[in-house]
PDB file of all heavy atoms in Angstrom:
ATOM      1  N   PRO A   1      14.321  -8.871  -0.559  1.00  0.00           N
ATOM      2  CA  PRO A   1      15.638  -8.283  -0.751  1.00  0.00           C
ATOM      3  C   PRO A   1      15.660  -7.019  -1.513  1.00  0.00           C
ATOM      4  O   PRO A   1      16.709  -6.462  -2.045  1.00  0.00           O
ATOM      5  CB  PRO A   1      16.260  -9.458  -1.611  1.00  0.00           C
ATOM      6  CG  PRO A   1      15.111 -10.115  -2.264  1.00  0.00           C
ATOM      7  CD  PRO A   1      13.966 -10.027  -1.389  1.00  0.00           C
ATOM      8  N   ALA A   2      14.489  -6.435  -1.779  1.00  0.00           N
ATOM      9  CA  ALA A   2      14.391  -5.162  -2.592  1.00  0.00           C
ATOM     10  C   ALA A   2      15.228  -4.111  -1.900  1.00  0.00           C
ATOM     11  O   ALA A   2      15.274  -4.006  -0.713  1.00  0.00           O
ATOM     12  CB  ALA A   2      12.927  -4.708  -2.640  1.00  0.00           C
ATOM     13  N   PRO A   3      15.907  -3.259  -2.704  1.00  0.00           N
ATOM     14  CA  PRO A   3      16.831  -2.214  -2.220  1.00  0.00           C
ATOM     15  C   PRO A   3      16.129  -1.046  -1.537  1.00  0.00           C
ATOM     16  O   PRO A   3      16.759  -0.297  -0.790  1.00  0.00           O
ATOM     17  CB  PRO A   3      17.585  -1.736  -3.411  1.00  0.00           C
ATOM     18  CG  PRO A   3      16.699  -1.982  -4.529  1.00  0.00           C
ATOM     19  CD  PRO A   3      15.910  -3.240  -4.233  1.00  0.00           C
ATOM     20  N   THR A   4      14.886  -0.824  -1.758  1.00  0.00           N
ATOM     21  CA  THR A   4      14.213   0.330  -1.236  1.00  0.00           C
ATOM     22  C   THR A   4      12.756   0.047  -0.934  1.00  0.00           C
ATOM     23  O   THR A   4      12.143  -0.870  -1.432  1.00  0.00           O
ATOM     24  CB  THR A   4      14.315   1.525  -2.240  1.00  0.00           C
ATOM     25  OG1 THR A   4      13.828   2.674  -1.650  1.00  0.00           O
ATOM     26  CG2 THR A   4      13.586   1.217  -3.534  1.00  0.00           C
ATOM     27  N   ALA A   5      12.154   0.943  -0.125  1.00  0.00           N
ATOM     28  CA  ALA A   5      10.797   0.691   0.334  1.00  0.00           C
ATOM     29  C   ALA A   5      10.116   2.009   0.596  1.00  0.00           C
ATOM     30  O   ALA A   5      10.783   3.092   0.963  1.00  0.00           O
ATOM     31  CB  ALA A   5      10.729  -0.145   1.561  1.00  0.00           C
ATOM     32  N   LEU A   6       8.807   2.025   0.383  1.00  0.00           N
ATOM     33  CA  LEU A   6       7.964   3.128   0.772  1.00  0.00           C
ATOM     34  C   LEU A   6       7.076   2.744   1.974  1.00  0.00           C
ATOM     35  O   LEU A   6       6.426   1.622   1.903  1.00  0.00           O
ATOM     36  CB  LEU A   6       6.966   3.529  -0.334  1.00  0.00           C
ATOM     37  CG  LEU A   6       7.416   4.674  -1.359  1.00  0.00           C
ATOM     38  CD1 LEU A   6       6.257   4.816  -2.390  1.00  0.00           C
ATOM     39  CD2 LEU A   6       7.613   5.962  -0.652  1.00  0.00           C
ATOM     40  N   ALA A   7       7.055   3.513   3.044  1.00  0.00           N
ATOM     41  CA  ALA A   7       6.194   3.264   4.216  1.00  0.00           C
ATOM     42  C   ALA A   7       5.112   4.321   4.207  1.00  0.00           C
ATOM     43  O   ALA A   7       5.350   5.401   4.517  1.00  0.00           O
ATOM     44  CB  ALA A   7       7.039   3.356   5.522  1.00  0.00           C
ATOM     45  N   ILE A   8       3.890   3.783   3.793  1.00  0.00           N
ATOM     46  CA  ILE A   8       2.793   4.683   3.715  1.00  0.00           C
ATOM     47  C   ILE A   8       1.822   4.378   4.868  1.00  0.00           C
ATOM     48  O   ILE A   8       1.280   3.337   5.005  1.00  0.00           O
ATOM     49  CB  ILE A   8       1.933   4.437   2.448  1.00  0.00           C
ATOM     50  CG1 ILE A   8       2.890   4.578   1.187  1.00  0.00           C
ATOM     51  CG2 ILE A   8       0.806   5.439   2.275  1.00  0.00           C
ATOM     52  CD1 ILE A   8       3.557   5.876   1.042  1.00  0.00           C
ATOM     53  N   GLY A   9       1.768   5.387   5.757  1.00  0.00           N
ATOM     54  CA  GLY A   9       0.940   5.129   7.039  1.00  0.00           C
ATOM     55  C   GLY A   9      -0.468   5.684   6.881  1.00  0.00           C
ATOM     56  O   GLY A   9      -0.747   6.512   5.958  1.00  0.00           O
ATOM     57  N   CYS A  10      -1.306   5.272   7.735  1.00  0.00           N
ATOM     58  CA  CYS A  10      -2.732   5.760   7.744  1.00  0.00           C
ATOM     59  C   CYS A  10      -3.147   6.041   9.151  1.00  0.00           C
ATOM     60  O   CYS A  10      -3.068   5.029   9.950  1.00  0.00           O
ATOM     61  CB  CYS A  10      -3.643   4.698   7.082  1.00  0.00           C
ATOM     62  SG  CYS A  10      -5.327   5.263   6.895  1.00  0.00           S
ATOM     63  N   HIS A  11      -3.596   7.182   9.442  1.00  0.00           N
ATOM     64  CA  HIS A  11      -4.221   7.510  10.771  1.00  0.00           C
ATOM     65  C   HIS A  11      -5.639   7.927  10.533  1.00  0.00           C
ATOM     66  O   HIS A  11      -5.995   9.126  10.624  1.00  0.00           O
ATOM     67  CB  HIS A  11      -3.388   8.696  11.420  1.00  0.00           C
ATOM     68  CG  HIS A  11      -2.163   8.261  12.023  1.00  0.00           C
ATOM     69  ND1 HIS A  11      -1.416   9.115  12.836  1.00  0.00           N
ATOM     70  CD2 HIS A  11      -1.496   7.066  12.081  1.00  0.00           C
ATOM     71  CE1 HIS A  11      -0.357   8.534  13.273  1.00  0.00           C
ATOM     72  NE2 HIS A  11      -0.370   7.223  12.872  1.00  0.00           N
ATOM     73  N   GLU A  12      -6.487   6.964  10.223  1.00  0.00           N
ATOM     74  CA  GLU A  12      -7.877   7.240   9.947  1.00  0.00           C
ATOM     75  C   GLU A  12      -8.665   6.120  10.719  1.00  0.00           C
ATOM     76  O   GLU A  12      -8.185   5.455  11.555  1.00  0.00           O
ATOM     77  CB  GLU A  12      -8.142   7.170   8.409  1.00  0.00           C
ATOM     78  CG  GLU A  12      -7.440   8.283   7.637  1.00  0.00           C
ATOM     79  CD  GLU A  12      -8.001   9.636   7.867  1.00  0.00           C
ATOM     80  OE1 GLU A  12      -9.110   9.716   8.340  1.00  0.00           O
ATOM     81  OE2 GLU A  12      -7.361  10.633   7.425  1.00  0.00           O
ATOM     82  N   ASN A  13      -9.922   5.924  10.310  1.00  0.00           N
ATOM     83  CA  ASN A  13     -10.658   4.779  10.859  1.00  0.00           C
ATOM     84  C   ASN A  13     -10.324   3.552   9.998  1.00  0.00           C
ATOM     85  O   ASN A  13      -9.621   3.624   9.007  1.00  0.00           O
ATOM     86  CB  ASN A  13     -12.211   5.153  10.818  1.00  0.00           C
ATOM     87  CG  ASN A  13     -12.645   5.511   9.413  1.00  0.00           C
ATOM     88  OD1 ASN A  13     -12.348   4.837   8.408  1.00  0.00           O
ATOM     89  ND2 ASN A  13     -13.454   6.579   9.331  1.00  0.00           N
ATOM     90  N   GLN A  14     -10.821   2.424  10.523  1.00  0.00           N
ATOM     91  CA  GLN A  14     -10.458   1.148   9.919  1.00  0.00           C
ATOM     92  C   GLN A  14     -10.833   1.067   8.421  1.00  0.00           C
ATOM     93  O   GLN A  14     -10.180   0.513   7.631  1.00  0.00           O
ATOM     94  CB  GLN A  14     -11.037   0.010  10.706  1.00  0.00           C
ATOM     95  CG  GLN A  14     -10.504  -1.363  10.202  1.00  0.00           C
ATOM     96  CD  GLN A  14     -10.959  -2.531  11.124  1.00  0.00           C
ATOM     97  OE1 GLN A  14     -11.489  -2.292  12.158  1.00  0.00           O
ATOM     98  NE2 GLN A  14     -10.683  -3.740  10.629  1.00  0.00           N
ATOM     99  N   LEU A  15     -12.049   1.627   8.139  1.00  0.00           N
ATOM    100  CA  LEU A  15     -12.570   1.574   6.729  1.00  0.00           C
ATOM    101  C   LEU A  15     -11.657   2.366   5.896  1.00  0.00           C
ATOM    102  O   LEU A  15     -11.341   1.861   4.780  1.00  0.00           O
ATOM    103  CB  LEU A  15     -14.018   2.146   6.687  1.00  0.00           C
ATOM    104  CG  LEU A  15     -14.773   2.032   5.410  1.00  0.00           C
ATOM    105  CD1 LEU A  15     -14.922   0.554   4.980  1.00  0.00           C
ATOM    106  CD2 LEU A  15     -16.102   2.677   5.408  1.00  0.00           C
ATOM    107  N   SER A  16     -11.258   3.526   6.290  1.00  0.00           N
ATOM    108  CA  SER A  16     -10.299   4.313   5.472  1.00  0.00           C
ATOM    109  C   SER A  16      -8.940   3.591   5.229  1.00  0.00           C
ATOM    110  O   SER A  16      -8.430   3.682   4.157  1.00  0.00           O
ATOM    111  CB  SER A  16     -10.076   5.724   6.050  1.00  0.00           C
ATOM    112  OG  SER A  16     -11.307   6.389   6.108  1.00  0.00           O
ATOM    113  N   ALA A  17      -8.466   3.003   6.328  1.00  0.00           N
ATOM    114  CA  ALA A  17      -7.179   2.271   6.277  1.00  0.00           C
ATOM    115  C   ALA A  17      -7.318   1.062   5.298  1.00  0.00           C
ATOM    116  O   ALA A  17      -6.382   0.811   4.477  1.00  0.00           O
ATOM    117  CB  ALA A  17      -6.796   1.762   7.630  1.00  0.00           C
ATOM    118  N   GLU A  18      -8.423   0.381   5.228  1.00  0.00           N
ATOM    119  CA  GLU A  18      -8.608  -0.720   4.353  1.00  0.00           C
ATOM    120  C   GLU A  18      -8.743  -0.170   2.913  1.00  0.00           C
ATOM    121  O   GLU A  18      -8.142  -0.820   2.004  1.00  0.00           O
ATOM    122  CB  GLU A  18      -9.878  -1.502   4.737  1.00  0.00           C
ATOM    123  CG  GLU A  18      -9.707  -2.272   6.026  1.00  0.00           C
ATOM    124  CD  GLU A  18     -10.993  -2.945   6.468  1.00  0.00           C
ATOM    125  OE1 GLU A  18     -12.082  -2.670   5.823  1.00  0.00           O
ATOM    126  OE2 GLU A  18     -10.978  -3.722   7.399  1.00  0.00           O
ATOM    127  N   TYR A  19      -9.366   0.988   2.734  1.00  0.00           N
ATOM    128  CA  TYR A  19      -9.447   1.546   1.343  1.00  0.00           C
ATOM    129  C   TYR A  19      -8.067   1.938   0.880  1.00  0.00           C
ATOM    130  O   TYR A  19      -7.659   1.615  -0.223  1.00  0.00           O
ATOM    131  CB  TYR A  19     -10.333   2.801   1.409  1.00  0.00           C
ATOM    132  CG  TYR A  19     -10.326   3.615   0.114  1.00  0.00           C
ATOM    133  CD1 TYR A  19     -11.129   3.221  -0.976  1.00  0.00           C
ATOM    134  CD2 TYR A  19      -9.524   4.688  -0.040  1.00  0.00           C
ATOM    135  CE1 TYR A  19     -11.031   3.902  -2.160  1.00  0.00           C
ATOM    136  CE2 TYR A  19      -9.387   5.319  -1.244  1.00  0.00           C
ATOM    137  CZ  TYR A  19     -10.216   4.975  -2.292  1.00  0.00           C
ATOM    138  OH  TYR A  19     -10.213   5.679  -3.478  1.00  0.00           O
ATOM    139  N   GLN A  20      -7.266   2.538   1.797  1.00  0.00           N
ATOM    140  CA  GLN A  20      -5.913   2.925   1.372  1.00  0.00           C
ATOM    141  C   GLN A  20      -5.093   1.710   1.024  1.00  0.00           C
ATOM    142  O   GLN A  20      -4.323   1.750   0.067  1.00  0.00           O
ATOM    143  CB  GLN A  20      -5.257   3.697   2.480  1.00  0.00           C
ATOM    144  CG  GLN A  20      -3.787   4.041   2.204  1.00  0.00           C
ATOM    145  CD  GLN A  20      -3.178   5.016   3.264  1.00  0.00           C
ATOM    146  OE1 GLN A  20      -3.628   6.156   3.318  1.00  0.00           O
ATOM    147  NE2 GLN A  20      -2.278   4.599   4.060  1.00  0.00           N
ATOM    148  N   ALA A  21      -5.198   0.597   1.830  1.00  0.00           N
ATOM    149  CA  ALA A  21      -4.374  -0.632   1.519  1.00  0.00           C
ATOM    150  C   ALA A  21      -4.788  -1.197   0.195  1.00  0.00           C
ATOM    151  O   ALA A  21      -3.958  -1.701  -0.577  1.00  0.00           O
ATOM    152  CB  ALA A  21      -4.585  -1.581   2.717  1.00  0.00           C
ATOM    153  N   ASP A  22      -6.144  -1.256  -0.061  1.00  0.00           N
ATOM    154  CA  ASP A  22      -6.614  -1.804  -1.334  1.00  0.00           C
ATOM    155  C   ASP A  22      -6.070  -0.951  -2.524  1.00  0.00           C
ATOM    156  O   ASP A  22      -5.707  -1.523  -3.537  1.00  0.00           O
ATOM    157  CB  ASP A  22      -8.138  -1.896  -1.362  1.00  0.00           C
ATOM    158  CG  ASP A  22      -8.683  -2.964  -0.429  1.00  0.00           C
ATOM    159  OD1 ASP A  22      -7.919  -3.863  -0.054  1.00  0.00           O
ATOM    160  OD2 ASP A  22      -9.900  -2.805  -0.081  1.00  0.00           O
ATOM    161  N   PHE A  23      -6.086   0.394  -2.390  1.00  0.00           N
ATOM    162  CA  PHE A  23      -5.588   1.277  -3.428  1.00  0.00           C
ATOM    163  C   PHE A  23      -4.139   1.008  -3.717  1.00  0.00           C
ATOM    164  O   PHE A  23      -3.694   0.906  -4.869  1.00  0.00           O
ATOM    165  CB  PHE A  23      -5.848   2.697  -3.045  1.00  0.00           C
ATOM    166  CG  PHE A  23      -5.490   3.681  -4.110  1.00  0.00           C
ATOM    167  CD1 PHE A  23      -6.423   4.120  -5.072  1.00  0.00           C
ATOM    168  CD2 PHE A  23      -4.166   4.172  -4.126  1.00  0.00           C
ATOM    169  CE1 PHE A  23      -6.087   4.975  -6.009  1.00  0.00           C
ATOM    170  CE2 PHE A  23      -3.833   5.105  -5.070  1.00  0.00           C
ATOM    171  CZ  PHE A  23      -4.746   5.547  -6.065  1.00  0.00           C
ATOM    172  N   LEU A  24      -3.390   0.849  -2.644  1.00  0.00           N
ATOM    173  CA  LEU A  24      -1.931   0.568  -2.783  1.00  0.00           C
ATOM    174  C   LEU A  24      -1.633  -0.840  -3.398  1.00  0.00           C
ATOM    175  O   LEU A  24      -0.725  -0.973  -4.077  1.00  0.00           O
ATOM    176  CB  LEU A  24      -1.204   0.670  -1.490  1.00  0.00           C
ATOM    177  CG  LEU A  24      -1.273   2.196  -0.868  1.00  0.00           C
ATOM    178  CD1 LEU A  24      -0.631   2.185   0.570  1.00  0.00           C
ATOM    179  CD2 LEU A  24      -0.551   3.147  -1.747  1.00  0.00           C
ATOM    180  N   ARG A  25      -2.488  -1.775  -3.111  1.00  0.00           N
ATOM    181  CA  ARG A  25      -2.379  -3.127  -3.680  1.00  0.00           C
ATOM    182  C   ARG A  25      -2.486  -3.062  -5.174  1.00  0.00           C
ATOM    183  O   ARG A  25      -1.845  -3.730  -5.925  1.00  0.00           O
ATOM    184  CB  ARG A  25      -3.356  -4.100  -3.069  1.00  0.00           C
ATOM    185  CG  ARG A  25      -3.004  -4.465  -1.631  1.00  0.00           C
ATOM    186  CD  ARG A  25      -3.890  -5.650  -1.090  1.00  0.00           C
ATOM    187  NE  ARG A  25      -3.645  -5.949   0.301  1.00  0.00           N
ATOM    188  CZ  ARG A  25      -4.422  -5.532   1.315  1.00  0.00           C
ATOM    189  NH1 ARG A  25      -5.451  -4.745   1.006  1.00  0.00           N
ATOM    190  NH2 ARG A  25      -4.141  -5.861   2.550  1.00  0.00           N
ATOM    191  N   GLN A  26      -3.536  -2.285  -5.640  1.00  0.00           N
ATOM    192  CA  GLN A  26      -3.750  -2.027  -7.022  1.00  0.00           C
ATOM    193  C   GLN A  26      -2.487  -1.478  -7.703  1.00  0.00           C
ATOM    194  O   GLN A  26      -2.113  -1.942  -8.811  1.00  0.00           O
ATOM    195  CB  GLN A  26      -4.950  -1.173  -7.321  1.00  0.00           C
ATOM    196  CG  GLN A  26      -6.284  -1.812  -6.828  1.00  0.00           C
ATOM    197  CD  GLN A  26      -7.474  -0.816  -7.098  1.00  0.00           C
ATOM    198  OE1 GLN A  26      -7.270   0.201  -7.832  1.00  0.00           O
ATOM    199  NE2 GLN A  26      -8.544  -1.083  -6.382  1.00  0.00           N
ATOM    200  N   ILE A  27      -1.863  -0.477  -7.062  1.00  0.00           N
ATOM    201  CA  ILE A  27      -0.681   0.052  -7.702  1.00  0.00           C
ATOM    202  C   ILE A  27       0.437  -0.945  -7.706  1.00  0.00           C
ATOM    203  O   ILE A  27       1.165  -1.045  -8.729  1.00  0.00           O
ATOM    204  CB  ILE A  27      -0.223   1.325  -6.832  1.00  0.00           C
ATOM    205  CG1 ILE A  27      -1.229   2.453  -7.022  1.00  0.00           C
ATOM    206  CG2 ILE A  27       1.117   1.742  -7.165  1.00  0.00           C
ATOM    207  CD1 ILE A  27      -0.925   3.684  -6.157  1.00  0.00           C
ATOM    208  N   CYS A  28       0.578  -1.737  -6.657  1.00  0.00           N
ATOM    209  CA  CYS A  28       1.641  -2.784  -6.625  1.00  0.00           C
ATOM    210  C   CYS A  28       1.430  -3.769  -7.708  1.00  0.00           C
ATOM    211  O   CYS A  28       2.427  -4.233  -8.340  1.00  0.00           O
ATOM    212  CB  CYS A  28       1.705  -3.356  -5.262  1.00  0.00           C
ATOM    213  SG  CYS A  28       2.243  -2.267  -3.958  1.00  0.00           S
ATOM    214  N   ARG A  29       0.163  -4.212  -7.921  1.00  0.00           N
ATOM    215  CA  ARG A  29      -0.069  -5.194  -9.061  1.00  0.00           C
ATOM    216  C   ARG A  29       0.323  -4.606 -10.346  1.00  0.00           C
ATOM    217  O   ARG A  29       0.883  -5.246 -11.268  1.00  0.00           O
ATOM    218  CB  ARG A  29      -1.502  -5.685  -8.928  1.00  0.00           C
ATOM    219  CG  ARG A  29      -1.746  -6.629  -7.879  1.00  0.00           C
ATOM    220  CD  ARG A  29      -3.155  -7.251  -8.081  1.00  0.00           C
ATOM    221  NE  ARG A  29      -4.318  -6.358  -7.924  1.00  0.00           N
ATOM    222  CZ  ARG A  29      -4.878  -6.098  -6.762  1.00  0.00           C
ATOM    223  NH1 ARG A  29      -4.530  -6.699  -5.664  1.00  0.00           N
ATOM    224  NH2 ARG A  29      -5.901  -5.214  -6.752  1.00  0.00           N
ATOM    225  N   GLN A  30      -0.006  -3.301 -10.541  1.00  0.00           N
ATOM    226  CA  GLN A  30       0.223  -2.614 -11.801  1.00  0.00           C
ATOM    227  C   GLN A  30       1.649  -2.522 -12.106  1.00  0.00           C
ATOM    228  O   GLN A  30       2.076  -2.702 -13.237  1.00  0.00           O
ATOM    229  CB  GLN A  30      -0.487  -1.189 -11.717  1.00  0.00           C
ATOM    230  CG  GLN A  30      -0.213  -0.338 -12.884  1.00  0.00           C
ATOM    231  CD  GLN A  30      -0.804   1.022 -12.778  1.00  0.00           C
ATOM    232  OE1 GLN A  30      -1.689   1.203 -11.936  1.00  0.00           O
ATOM    233  NE2 GLN A  30      -0.266   2.023 -13.454  1.00  0.00           N
ATOM    234  N   LEU A  31       2.454  -2.313 -10.995  1.00  0.00           N
ATOM    235  CA  LEU A  31       3.950  -2.088 -11.268  1.00  0.00           C
ATOM    236  C   LEU A  31       4.751  -3.381 -11.000  1.00  0.00           C
ATOM    237  O   LEU A  31       5.938  -3.289 -11.261  1.00  0.00           O
ATOM    238  CB  LEU A  31       4.319  -0.997 -10.367  1.00  0.00           C
ATOM    239  CG  LEU A  31       3.766   0.408 -10.540  1.00  0.00           C
ATOM    240  CD1 LEU A  31       4.189   1.428  -9.409  1.00  0.00           C
ATOM    241  CD2 LEU A  31       4.062   0.963 -11.893  1.00  0.00           C
ATOM    242  N   GLY A  32       4.119  -4.376 -10.505  1.00  0.00           N
ATOM    243  CA  GLY A  32       4.839  -5.630 -10.199  1.00  0.00           C
ATOM    244  C   GLY A  32       5.724  -5.458  -9.040  1.00  0.00           C
ATOM    245  O   GLY A  32       6.909  -6.103  -9.014  1.00  0.00           O
ATOM    246  N   ILE A  33       5.353  -4.754  -7.910  1.00  0.00           N
ATOM    247  CA  ILE A  33       6.145  -4.691  -6.760  1.00  0.00           C
ATOM    248  C   ILE A  33       5.393  -5.347  -5.629  1.00  0.00           C
ATOM    249  O   ILE A  33       4.210  -5.587  -5.693  1.00  0.00           O
ATOM    250  CB  ILE A  33       6.533  -3.225  -6.440  1.00  0.00           C
ATOM    251  CG1 ILE A  33       5.248  -2.378  -6.264  1.00  0.00           C
ATOM    252  CG2 ILE A  33       7.458  -2.636  -7.464  1.00  0.00           C
ATOM    253  CD1 ILE A  33       5.510  -0.918  -5.882  1.00  0.00           C
ATOM    254  N   GLN A  34       6.060  -5.549  -4.496  1.00  0.00           N
ATOM    255  CA  GLN A  34       5.397  -6.276  -3.452  1.00  0.00           C
ATOM    256  C   GLN A  34       4.947  -5.256  -2.319  1.00  0.00           C
ATOM    257  O   GLN A  34       5.411  -4.156  -2.188  1.00  0.00           O
ATOM    258  CB  GLN A  34       6.414  -7.174  -2.817  1.00  0.00           C
ATOM    259  CG  GLN A  34       6.855  -8.321  -3.694  1.00  0.00           C
ATOM    260  CD  GLN A  34       7.710  -9.294  -2.981  1.00  0.00           C
ATOM    261  OE1 GLN A  34       8.900  -9.071  -2.737  1.00  0.00           O
ATOM    262  NE2 GLN A  34       7.215 -10.533  -2.630  1.00  0.00           N
ATOM    263  N   ILE A  35       3.954  -5.729  -1.554  1.00  0.00           N
ATOM    264  CA  ILE A  35       3.394  -4.943  -0.469  1.00  0.00           C
ATOM    265  C   ILE A  35       3.057  -5.770   0.753  1.00  0.00           C
ATOM    266  O   ILE A  35       2.635  -7.000   0.547  1.00  0.00           O
ATOM    267  CB  ILE A  35       2.088  -4.205  -0.973  1.00  0.00           C
ATOM    268  CG1 ILE A  35       1.537  -3.356   0.191  1.00  0.00           C
ATOM    269  CG2 ILE A  35       1.032  -5.243  -1.433  1.00  0.00           C
ATOM    270  CD1 ILE A  35       0.359  -2.491  -0.303  1.00  0.00           C
TER     271      ILE A  35
END
C-alpha cells in the first residue's frame, strides 16, 4: 500500500543484475522499505 515506488531496471548480464539487486536490498534494509 506504499504511496510511491522506484523502478530500478538493469540491462546487463545476470551477475551484474544480481549484484544490483543485492545492493538495493541493503539500501532497503537500511531504510526500512520494501523491495
